[in-house]
Amino acid sequence: MGIGTSLFLLAVGAVLRFAVDVTTNGFNIHNIGVILMVIGAIGILLSLAFWNSWGGMGGYRRETVVDGGPSRRRRVVDEEVV
């Protein structure tokens, strides 16, 4: 789950919790809103915690260097920036 999905769940949960004024039998719509907000907040925290491993700021870089000698060899350098 990405940050966009987490923000969407957080927004839908806030609307259900604070903006909807409905009384239903069998389940409480306000509790569903709270549950969606908690799931959205956990998703945002997990997305931020694993941002670096998903290639966010920094991350993995692949660079191709062409050597210009008579053999016209290509050298590929793989670097992982931490």
C-alpha atoms as a PDB file:
ATOM      1  CA  MET A   1       0.000   0.000   0.000  1.00  0.00           C
ATOM      2  CA  GLY A   2       1.449   3.325  -1.013  1.00  0.00           C
ATOM      3  CA  ILE A   3       1.160   6.775   0.418  1.00  0.00           C
ATOM      4  CA  GLY A   4      -1.664   7.690  -1.976  1.00  0.00           C
ATOM      5  CA  THR A   5      -3.822   4.737  -0.931  1.00  0.00           C
ATOM      6  CA  SER A   6      -3.097   5.429   2.729  1.00  0.00           C
ATOM      7  CA  LEU A   7      -4.109   9.073   2.381  1.00  0.00           C
ATOM      8  CA  PHE A   8      -7.292   8.007   0.582  1.00  0.00           C
ATOM      9  CA  LEU A   9      -8.201   5.591   3.401  1.00  0.00           C
ATOM     10  CA  LEU A  10      -7.436   8.264   5.972  1.00  0.00           C
ATOM     11  CA  ALA A  11      -9.683  10.781   4.167  1.00  0.00           C
ATOM     12  CA  VAL A  12     -12.567   8.341   3.704  1.00  0.00           C
ATOM     13  CA  GLY A  13     -12.308   7.331   7.353  1.00  0.00           C
ATOM     14  CA  ALA A  14     -12.373  10.963   8.482  1.00  0.00           C
ATOM     15  CA  VAL A  15     -15.466  11.637   6.360  1.00  0.00           C
ATOM     16  CA  LEU A  16     -17.234   8.588   7.781  1.00  0.00           C
ATOM     17  CA  ARG A  17     -16.260   9.496  11.328  1.00  0.00           C
ATOM     18  CA  PHE A  18     -16.852  13.238  11.409  1.00  0.00           C
ATOM     19  CA  ALA A  19     -19.123  14.210   8.501  1.00  0.00           C
ATOM     20  CA  VAL A  20     -21.690  11.426   8.230  1.00  0.00           C
ATOM     21  CA  ASP A  21     -24.666  11.615  10.562  1.00  0.00           C
ATOM     22  CA  VAL A  22     -26.486   8.299  10.061  1.00  0.00           C
ATOM     23  CA  THR A  23     -27.942   5.866  12.571  1.00  0.00           C
ATOM     24  CA  THR A  24     -27.845   2.251  11.408  1.00  0.00           C
ATOM     25  CA  ASN A  25     -28.734  -1.089  12.945  1.00  0.00           C
ATOM     26  CA  GLY A  26     -26.129  -3.837  13.054  1.00  0.00           C
ATOM     27  CA  PHE A  27     -22.951  -1.758  12.760  1.00  0.00           C
ATOM     28  CA  ASN A  28     -21.703   1.691  13.633  1.00  0.00           C
ATOM     29  CA  ILE A  29     -20.501   3.731  10.642  1.00  0.00           C
ATOM     30  CA  HIS A  30     -18.404   5.933  12.932  1.00  0.00           C
ATOM     31  CA  ASN A  31     -16.404   2.910  14.107  1.00  0.00           C
ATOM     32  CA  ILE A  32     -15.736   1.946  10.487  1.00  0.00           C
ATOM     33  CA  GLY A  33     -14.405   5.471   9.942  1.00  0.00           C
ATOM     34  CA  VAL A  34     -12.050   5.129  12.910  1.00  0.00           C
ATOM     35  CA  ILE A  35     -10.839   1.748  11.646  1.00  0.00           C
ATOM     36  CA  LEU A  36     -10.136   3.186   8.173  1.00  0.00           C
ATOM     37  CA  MET A  37      -8.241   6.124   9.695  1.00  0.00           C
ATOM     38  CA  VAL A  38      -6.086   3.757  11.775  1.00  0.00           C
ATOM     39  CA  ILE A  39      -5.330   1.574   8.746  1.00  0.00           C
ATOM     40  CA  GLY A  40      -4.465   4.670   6.685  1.00  0.00           C
ATOM     41  CA  ALA A  41      -2.144   5.998   9.406  1.00  0.00           C
ATOM     42  CA  ILE A  42      -0.368   2.636   9.710  1.00  0.00           C
ATOM     43  CA  GLY A  43       0.005   2.536   5.911  1.00  0.00           C
ATOM     44  CA  ILE A  44       1.562   6.012   5.861  1.00  0.00           C
ATOM     45  CA  LEU A  45       4.012   5.090   8.620  1.00  0.00           C
ATOM     46  CA  LEU A  46       5.029   1.877   6.843  1.00  0.00           C
ATOM     47  CA  SER A  47       5.421   3.691   3.523  1.00  0.00           C
ATOM     48  CA  LEU A  48       7.691   6.281   5.119  1.00  0.00           C
ATOM     49  CA  ALA A  49       9.681   3.629   6.986  1.00  0.00           C
ATOM     50  CA  PHE A  50      10.396   1.627   3.818  1.00  0.00           C
ATOM     51  CA  TRP A  51      10.715   4.616   1.450  1.00  0.00           C
ATOM     52  CA  ASN A  52      14.496   4.231   1.086  1.00  0.00           C
ATOM     53  CA  SER A  53      14.294   0.544   0.169  1.00  0.00           C
ATOM     54  CA  TRP A  54      11.686   1.306  -2.536  1.00  0.00           C
ATOM     55  CA  GLY A  55      14.027   3.690  -4.329  1.00  0.00           C
ATOM     56  CA  GLY A  56      12.877   6.955  -2.869  1.00  0.00           C
ATOM     57  CA  MET A  57      15.539   9.467  -1.848  1.00  0.00           C
ATOM     58  CA  GLY A  58      18.889   7.923  -2.807  1.00  0.00           C
ATOM     59  CA  GLY A  59      18.328   4.272  -3.554  1.00  0.00           C
ATOM     60  CA  TYR A  60      19.688   2.211  -6.432  1.00  0.00           C
ATOM     61  CA  ARG A  61      21.512   3.799  -9.339  1.00  0.00           C
ATOM     62  CA  ARG A  62      22.698   2.164 -12.572  1.00  0.00           C
ATOM     63  CA  GLU A  63      25.259   3.966 -14.656  1.00  0.00           C
ATOM     64  CA  THR A  64      26.589   2.964 -18.080  1.00  0.00           C
ATOM     65  CA  VAL A  65      30.107   4.099 -18.940  1.00  0.00           C
ATOM     66  CA  VAL A  66      31.411   3.757 -22.478  1.00  0.00           C
ATOM     67  CA  ASP A  67      35.188   3.448 -22.806  1.00  0.00           C
ATOM     68  CA  GLY A  68      36.424   5.054 -25.994  1.00  0.00           C
ATOM     69  CA  GLY A  69      39.389   2.763 -26.819  1.00  0.00           C
ATOM     70  CA  PRO A  70      39.943   0.925 -30.120  1.00  0.00           C
ATOM     71  CA  SER A  71      37.970  -2.105 -28.905  1.00  0.00           C
ATOM     72  CA  ARG A  72      34.875   0.022 -28.139  1.00  0.00           C
ATOM     73  CA  ARG A  73      34.172  -1.948 -24.941  1.00  0.00           C
ATOM     74  CA  ARG A  74      31.229  -1.092 -22.719  1.00  0.00           C
ATOM     75  CA  ARG A  75      31.513  -1.232 -18.968  1.00  0.00           C
ATOM     76  CA  VAL A  76      28.409  -1.232 -16.765  1.00  0.00           C
ATOM     77  CA  VAL A  77      28.819  -0.024 -13.206  1.00  0.00           C
ATOM     78  CA  ASP A  78      26.172  -0.929 -10.660  1.00  0.00           C
ATOM     79  CA  GLU A  79      26.158   1.077  -7.465  1.00  0.00           C
ATOM     80  CA  GLU A  80      23.872   1.011  -4.490  1.00  0.00           C
ATOM     81  CA  VAL A  81      23.733   4.344  -2.744  1.00  0.00           C
ATOM     82  CA  VAL A  82      22.856   4.071   0.919  1.00  0.00           C
END
